[in-house]
Structure formats: structure tokens, C-alpha cells
């Protein structure tokens, strides 16, 4: 049996696939926690309707956006718009940076269509 995509640590709700979690109306994207040493090591942060927060590794969302292969790291330089430095900043970024894919994924997740009913707690 394949592992679940994510289980809520608070209420034990199980999302079998990423699409289940993203489409759940009781799940809200609240931010991204950057890993300044690894552009793919950050965490996407979501609030669940039970009141708990879910942290999901960036690698779980890599296929949603084009990842720059040889883009320079601009984090902390004059070319950086600073979005990644603020966990709750969900805005897109215009910089051509190795971290830019995160901003693209944030926009895709924000626009993800929500189902009418949430996933039942404990399932």
C-alpha cells in the first residue's frame, strides 16, 4: 500500500495524494519557509481547518513549475526582491534566480481549485 501524501499531525486527516490536499477547502496556503543553503530544501506551509499547521517539503511540488537549471542564486543580493526572506509573503518574484520556482509554485497552489467538501477528519 503506498504511503499517504500527508497526514495532519493534529487531527490525523489523511490526504492520499497531493491533489487531495491542494483541493481541500479546509487547507489554506500560508507561506514558505526558505532553506538558505538549499533551494529545494524549503517548506510550504499550510493551515488546516483543525487549527494545526502542515509543513511539506518543496520537493513535493517541483513538478508544478519550471525549475531553473543554471540560474544564479540571488537571495540576499541587490538582484533579490526579498520575497523568500518573509515566510508569509506569497507574492510572485520577477528575479531570474534559482529560487524563483518557489514563487511560481506558490501562485499555482494559490489558484488550485477547491472541492466543495473537505477531506473527512481521520481518513
N, C-alpha and C. Protein backbone atom coordinates (compact mmCIF):
# COMPACT_ATOMS: atom_id res chain seq x y z
N UNK A 1 0.84 -1.18 0.00
CA UNK A 1 0.00 0.00 0.00
C UNK A 1 0.89 1.24 0.00
N UNK A 2 0.67 2.18 -0.94
CA UNK A 2 1.51 3.36 -0.99
C UNK A 2 1.27 4.27 0.21
N UNK A 3 2.31 5.00 0.58
CA UNK A 3 2.21 5.92 1.70
C UNK A 3 1.32 7.10 1.33
N UNK A 4 0.68 7.66 2.32
CA UNK A 4 -0.15 8.85 2.11
C UNK A 4 0.74 10.03 1.77
N UNK A 5 0.20 10.99 1.03
CA UNK A 5 0.95 12.21 0.72
C UNK A 5 1.24 12.99 2.00
N UNK A 6 0.21 13.17 2.84
CA UNK A 6 0.39 13.92 4.09
C UNK A 6 -0.69 13.53 5.07
N UNK A 7 -0.33 13.47 6.35
CA UNK A 7 -1.27 13.25 7.44
C UNK A 7 -1.19 14.44 8.38
N UNK A 8 -2.33 14.99 8.75
CA UNK A 8 -2.35 16.12 9.66
C UNK A 8 -1.88 15.65 11.04
N UNK A 9 -0.88 16.32 11.61
CA UNK A 9 -0.41 15.91 12.93
C UNK A 9 -1.42 16.19 14.04
N UNK A 10 -2.37 17.08 13.79
CA UNK A 10 -3.35 17.43 14.82
C UNK A 10 -4.54 16.50 14.88
N UNK A 11 -5.21 16.30 13.74
CA UNK A 11 -6.46 15.53 13.73
C UNK A 11 -6.35 14.20 12.99
N UNK A 12 -5.18 13.92 12.42
CA UNK A 12 -4.91 12.67 11.70
C UNK A 12 -5.66 12.54 10.38
N UNK A 13 -6.17 13.64 9.81
CA UNK A 13 -6.74 13.59 8.47
C UNK A 13 -5.64 13.17 7.51
N UNK A 14 -5.98 12.28 6.58
CA UNK A 14 -5.01 11.76 5.62
C UNK A 14 -5.38 12.24 4.22
N UNK A 15 -4.40 12.79 3.51
CA UNK A 15 -4.55 13.13 2.10
C UNK A 15 -3.71 12.14 1.33
N UNK A 16 -4.35 11.30 0.55
CA UNK A 16 -3.64 10.24 -0.17
C UNK A 16 -2.73 10.79 -1.26
N UNK A 17 -3.18 11.86 -1.90
CA UNK A 17 -2.39 12.44 -2.99
C UNK A 17 -2.28 13.95 -2.78
N UNK A 18 -1.27 14.53 -3.39
CA UNK A 18 -1.06 15.98 -3.30
C UNK A 18 -2.31 16.73 -3.74
N UNK A 19 -2.95 16.27 -4.81
CA UNK A 19 -4.13 16.94 -5.33
C UNK A 19 -5.28 16.93 -4.32
N UNK A 20 -5.35 15.88 -3.49
CA UNK A 20 -6.37 15.82 -2.44
C UNK A 20 -6.16 16.96 -1.43
N UNK A 21 -4.93 17.16 -1.03
CA UNK A 21 -4.61 18.22 -0.08
C UNK A 21 -4.85 19.60 -0.68
N UNK A 22 -4.35 19.82 -1.89
CA UNK A 22 -4.47 21.14 -2.51
C UNK A 22 -5.92 21.50 -2.81
N UNK A 23 -6.76 20.51 -3.08
CA UNK A 23 -8.16 20.76 -3.39
C UNK A 23 -9.07 20.81 -2.18
N UNK A 24 -8.52 20.55 -1.01
CA UNK A 24 -9.32 20.52 0.22
C UNK A 24 -9.61 21.95 0.68
N UNK A 25 -10.89 22.33 0.78
CA UNK A 25 -11.22 23.69 1.19
C UNK A 25 -10.85 24.01 2.64
N UNK A 26 -10.51 23.00 3.43
CA UNK A 26 -10.11 23.24 4.81
C UNK A 26 -8.60 23.43 4.95
N UNK A 27 -7.90 23.46 3.81
CA UNK A 27 -6.44 23.64 3.80
C UNK A 27 -6.13 24.96 3.10
N UNK A 28 -5.35 25.80 3.77
CA UNK A 28 -5.00 27.12 3.23
C UNK A 28 -3.48 27.31 3.22
N UNK A 29 -2.95 27.68 2.07
CA UNK A 29 -1.53 28.01 1.96
C UNK A 29 -1.27 29.29 2.74
N UNK A 30 -0.28 29.25 3.64
CA UNK A 30 0.02 30.45 4.44
C UNK A 30 1.44 30.96 4.25
N UNK A 31 2.31 30.17 3.60
CA UNK A 31 3.66 30.69 3.43
C UNK A 31 4.66 29.66 2.96
N UNK A 32 5.90 30.13 2.89
CA UNK A 32 7.02 29.29 2.50
C UNK A 32 8.20 29.63 3.40
N UNK A 33 8.79 28.61 3.99
CA UNK A 33 9.98 28.78 4.83
C UNK A 33 11.19 28.38 4.00
N UNK A 34 12.01 29.36 3.65
CA UNK A 34 13.16 29.12 2.79
C UNK A 34 14.26 28.38 3.55
N UNK A 35 15.01 27.57 2.84
CA UNK A 35 16.25 26.96 3.34
C UNK A 35 17.36 27.69 2.60
N UNK A 36 18.08 28.58 3.27
CA UNK A 36 19.05 29.42 2.58
C UNK A 36 20.25 28.64 2.05
N UNK A 37 20.41 27.41 2.47
CA UNK A 37 21.53 26.60 1.99
C UNK A 37 21.16 25.68 0.83
N UNK A 38 19.86 25.48 0.61
CA UNK A 38 19.41 24.54 -0.41
C UNK A 38 18.11 25.05 -1.03
N UNK A 39 18.11 25.43 -2.31
CA UNK A 39 16.90 25.98 -2.92
C UNK A 39 15.73 24.99 -2.98
N UNK A 40 16.01 23.71 -2.81
CA UNK A 40 14.96 22.69 -2.85
C UNK A 40 14.64 22.15 -1.46
N UNK A 41 15.22 22.76 -0.43
CA UNK A 41 15.05 22.27 0.93
C UNK A 41 14.02 23.02 1.76
N UNK A 42 13.34 23.99 1.16
CA UNK A 42 12.36 24.79 1.90
C UNK A 42 11.08 24.02 2.17
N UNK A 43 10.19 24.67 2.90
CA UNK A 43 8.92 24.06 3.30
C UNK A 43 7.74 24.94 2.92
N UNK A 44 6.76 24.35 2.25
CA UNK A 44 5.49 25.03 2.00
C UNK A 44 4.65 24.84 3.25
N UNK A 45 4.03 25.92 3.72
CA UNK A 45 3.28 25.90 4.97
C UNK A 45 1.78 26.09 4.70
N UNK A 46 0.98 25.25 5.33
CA UNK A 46 -0.46 25.27 5.16
C UNK A 46 -1.13 25.23 6.53
N UNK A 47 -2.23 25.94 6.68
CA UNK A 47 -3.08 25.80 7.86
C UNK A 47 -4.20 24.84 7.51
N UNK A 48 -4.52 23.96 8.46
CA UNK A 48 -5.64 23.03 8.29
C UNK A 48 -6.80 23.50 9.16
N UNK A 49 -8.00 23.16 8.77
CA UNK A 49 -9.21 23.58 9.47
C UNK A 49 -9.26 23.17 10.93
N UNK A 50 -8.50 22.15 11.31
CA UNK A 50 -8.48 21.72 12.71
C UNK A 50 -7.65 22.66 13.58
N UNK A 51 -6.92 23.59 12.93
CA UNK A 51 -6.09 24.53 13.67
C UNK A 51 -4.61 24.22 13.64
N UNK A 52 -4.23 23.10 13.07
CA UNK A 52 -2.82 22.74 13.01
C UNK A 52 -2.19 23.28 11.72
N UNK A 53 -0.87 23.32 11.72
CA UNK A 53 -0.11 23.77 10.55
C UNK A 53 0.63 22.58 9.96
N UNK A 54 0.60 22.49 8.63
CA UNK A 54 1.29 21.42 7.90
C UNK A 54 2.50 22.02 7.21
N UNK A 55 3.62 21.34 7.28
CA UNK A 55 4.83 21.73 6.56
C UNK A 55 5.16 20.62 5.58
N UNK A 56 5.30 20.99 4.31
CA UNK A 56 5.56 20.00 3.26
C UNK A 56 6.78 20.44 2.47
N UNK A 57 7.74 19.54 2.32
CA UNK A 57 8.98 19.84 1.62
C UNK A 57 8.76 20.30 0.19
N UNK A 58 9.58 21.26 -0.23
CA UNK A 58 9.47 21.83 -1.57
C UNK A 58 9.56 20.78 -2.67
N UNK A 59 10.31 19.73 -2.45
CA UNK A 59 10.49 18.70 -3.48
C UNK A 59 9.16 18.06 -3.87
N UNK A 60 8.16 18.11 -2.99
CA UNK A 60 6.85 17.53 -3.30
C UNK A 60 6.09 18.34 -4.35
N UNK A 61 6.60 19.54 -4.68
CA UNK A 61 5.91 20.43 -5.61
C UNK A 61 6.76 20.79 -6.83
N UNK A 62 7.95 20.22 -6.94
CA UNK A 62 8.88 20.59 -8.01
C UNK A 62 8.29 20.45 -9.40
N UNK A 63 7.46 19.44 -9.61
CA UNK A 63 6.93 19.20 -10.95
C UNK A 63 5.87 20.21 -11.38
N UNK A 64 5.42 21.07 -10.48
CA UNK A 64 4.40 22.06 -10.81
C UNK A 64 4.97 23.27 -11.55
N UNK A 65 6.27 23.47 -11.50
CA UNK A 65 6.87 24.66 -12.10
C UNK A 65 8.17 24.30 -12.79
N UNK A 66 8.61 25.20 -13.66
CA UNK A 66 9.90 25.03 -14.30
C UNK A 66 10.99 25.43 -13.32
N UNK A 67 11.87 24.49 -13.03
CA UNK A 67 12.97 24.77 -12.12
C UNK A 67 14.17 25.25 -12.92
N UNK A 68 14.73 26.39 -12.55
CA UNK A 68 15.90 26.89 -13.28
C UNK A 68 17.09 25.95 -13.09
N UNK A 69 17.73 25.61 -14.20
CA UNK A 69 18.85 24.67 -14.13
C UNK A 69 20.14 25.36 -13.74
N UNK A 70 20.45 26.44 -14.39
CA UNK A 70 21.71 27.13 -14.12
C UNK A 70 21.52 28.58 -13.68
N UNK A 71 20.38 28.91 -13.13
CA UNK A 71 20.14 30.28 -12.68
C UNK A 71 21.00 30.57 -11.45
N UNK A 72 21.48 31.79 -11.33
CA UNK A 72 22.29 32.14 -10.16
C UNK A 72 21.42 32.28 -8.92
N UNK A 73 22.03 32.16 -7.78
CA UNK A 73 21.33 32.41 -6.52
C UNK A 73 21.41 33.91 -6.24
N UNK A 74 20.26 34.55 -6.16
CA UNK A 74 20.22 35.99 -5.92
C UNK A 74 19.80 36.34 -4.49
N UNK A 75 19.45 35.34 -3.71
CA UNK A 75 18.99 35.57 -2.35
C UNK A 75 20.00 36.41 -1.58
N UNK A 76 19.55 37.55 -1.07
CA UNK A 76 20.41 38.42 -0.29
C UNK A 76 21.25 39.40 -1.09
N UNK A 77 21.12 39.38 -2.42
CA UNK A 77 21.88 40.31 -3.27
C UNK A 77 20.97 41.47 -3.70
N UNK A 78 21.56 42.45 -4.40
CA UNK A 78 20.77 43.58 -4.90
C UNK A 78 19.72 43.13 -5.92
N UNK A 79 19.95 42.00 -6.59
CA UNK A 79 19.01 41.49 -7.58
C UNK A 79 17.83 40.75 -6.97
N UNK A 80 17.87 40.54 -5.67
CA UNK A 80 16.82 39.80 -4.96
C UNK A 80 15.71 40.76 -4.53
N UNK A 81 14.48 40.37 -4.80
CA UNK A 81 13.32 41.17 -4.37
C UNK A 81 12.95 40.92 -2.91
N UNK A 82 13.55 39.91 -2.29
CA UNK A 82 13.36 39.66 -0.86
C UNK A 82 12.14 38.87 -0.46
N UNK A 83 11.38 38.39 -1.42
CA UNK A 83 10.15 37.65 -1.08
C UNK A 83 10.44 36.42 -0.23
N UNK A 84 11.48 35.68 -0.58
CA UNK A 84 11.78 34.42 0.12
C UNK A 84 12.18 34.63 1.58
N UNK A 85 12.56 35.85 1.91
CA UNK A 85 13.00 36.13 3.28
C UNK A 85 11.84 36.36 4.24
N UNK A 86 10.63 36.41 3.71
CA UNK A 86 9.45 36.67 4.53
C UNK A 86 8.47 35.51 4.37
N UNK A 87 8.39 34.70 5.39
CA UNK A 87 7.64 33.44 5.36
C UNK A 87 6.21 33.59 4.84
N UNK A 88 5.52 34.66 5.20
CA UNK A 88 4.12 34.80 4.80
C UNK A 88 3.94 35.54 3.47
N UNK A 89 5.02 35.92 2.82
CA UNK A 89 4.95 36.61 1.53
C UNK A 89 4.68 35.58 0.43
N UNK A 90 3.51 35.67 -0.18
CA UNK A 90 3.12 34.72 -1.23
C UNK A 90 3.20 35.34 -2.62
N UNK A 91 3.71 36.55 -2.72
CA UNK A 91 3.75 37.26 -4.00
C UNK A 91 4.73 36.64 -4.98
N UNK A 92 4.46 36.82 -6.28
CA UNK A 92 5.40 36.34 -7.30
C UNK A 92 6.67 37.18 -7.29
N UNK A 93 7.71 36.66 -7.93
CA UNK A 93 9.01 37.33 -8.00
C UNK A 93 9.43 37.42 -9.46
N UNK A 94 10.01 38.56 -9.82
CA UNK A 94 10.45 38.77 -11.20
C UNK A 94 11.93 38.42 -11.39
N UNK A 95 12.65 38.16 -10.33
CA UNK A 95 14.08 37.88 -10.43
C UNK A 95 14.33 36.54 -11.11
N UNK A 96 15.40 36.47 -11.89
CA UNK A 96 15.80 35.21 -12.51
C UNK A 96 16.80 34.55 -11.57
N UNK A 97 16.28 33.76 -10.67
CA UNK A 97 17.05 33.21 -9.55
C UNK A 97 16.77 31.71 -9.43
N UNK A 98 17.68 30.99 -8.82
CA UNK A 98 17.46 29.56 -8.62
C UNK A 98 16.28 29.28 -7.70
N UNK A 99 15.86 30.26 -6.94
CA UNK A 99 14.72 30.09 -6.03
C UNK A 99 13.39 30.54 -6.64
N UNK A 100 13.41 31.07 -7.86
CA UNK A 100 12.21 31.63 -8.47
C UNK A 100 11.10 30.59 -8.65
N UNK A 101 11.45 29.32 -8.79
CA UNK A 101 10.43 28.30 -8.98
C UNK A 101 9.46 28.27 -7.80
N UNK A 102 9.96 28.58 -6.60
CA UNK A 102 9.10 28.58 -5.41
C UNK A 102 7.97 29.58 -5.57
N UNK A 103 8.30 30.75 -6.08
CA UNK A 103 7.28 31.80 -6.26
C UNK A 103 6.25 31.36 -7.29
N UNK A 104 6.70 30.65 -8.33
CA UNK A 104 5.79 30.13 -9.35
C UNK A 104 4.86 29.07 -8.74
N UNK A 105 5.42 28.18 -7.95
CA UNK A 105 4.61 27.14 -7.30
C UNK A 105 3.59 27.78 -6.35
N UNK A 106 4.00 28.80 -5.61
CA UNK A 106 3.07 29.47 -4.71
C UNK A 106 1.85 30.00 -5.46
N UNK A 107 2.07 30.55 -6.65
CA UNK A 107 0.94 31.07 -7.43
C UNK A 107 0.04 29.94 -7.93
N UNK A 108 0.64 28.84 -8.34
CA UNK A 108 -0.14 27.68 -8.81
C UNK A 108 -0.99 27.12 -7.67
N UNK A 109 -0.39 26.97 -6.50
CA UNK A 109 -1.10 26.42 -5.35
C UNK A 109 -2.21 27.38 -4.90
N UNK A 110 -1.95 28.67 -4.91
CA UNK A 110 -2.97 29.66 -4.52
C UNK A 110 -4.20 29.59 -5.41
N UNK A 111 -3.99 29.29 -6.69
CA UNK A 111 -5.10 29.24 -7.65
C UNK A 111 -5.71 27.85 -7.79
N UNK A 112 -5.20 26.87 -7.05
CA UNK A 112 -5.68 25.49 -7.17
C UNK A 112 -7.18 25.44 -6.86
N UNK A 113 -7.99 24.82 -7.72
CA UNK A 113 -9.43 24.76 -7.45
C UNK A 113 -9.74 23.90 -6.22
N UNK A 114 -10.64 24.41 -5.40
CA UNK A 114 -11.03 23.71 -4.17
C UNK A 114 -12.32 22.92 -4.41
N UNK A 115 -12.37 21.72 -3.82
CA UNK A 115 -13.60 20.92 -3.83
C UNK A 115 -14.63 21.59 -2.93
N UNK A 116 -15.84 21.12 -3.02
CA UNK A 116 -16.89 21.68 -2.17
C UNK A 116 -16.76 21.20 -0.73
N UNK A 117 -16.37 19.94 -0.54
CA UNK A 117 -16.30 19.36 0.80
C UNK A 117 -14.87 19.02 1.18
N UNK A 118 -14.50 19.26 2.44
CA UNK A 118 -13.16 18.89 2.90
C UNK A 118 -13.02 17.38 3.06
N UNK A 119 -11.78 16.93 3.10
CA UNK A 119 -11.50 15.52 3.41
C UNK A 119 -11.92 15.30 4.86
N UNK A 120 -12.60 14.20 5.12
CA UNK A 120 -13.10 13.93 6.47
C UNK A 120 -11.95 13.68 7.43
N UNK A 121 -12.07 14.17 8.63
CA UNK A 121 -11.06 14.02 9.66
C UNK A 121 -10.83 12.55 9.97
N UNK A 122 -9.56 12.18 10.11
CA UNK A 122 -9.21 10.81 10.45
C UNK A 122 -9.27 9.84 9.29
N UNK A 123 -9.40 10.36 8.04
CA UNK A 123 -9.46 9.47 6.87
C UNK A 123 -8.22 9.62 6.05
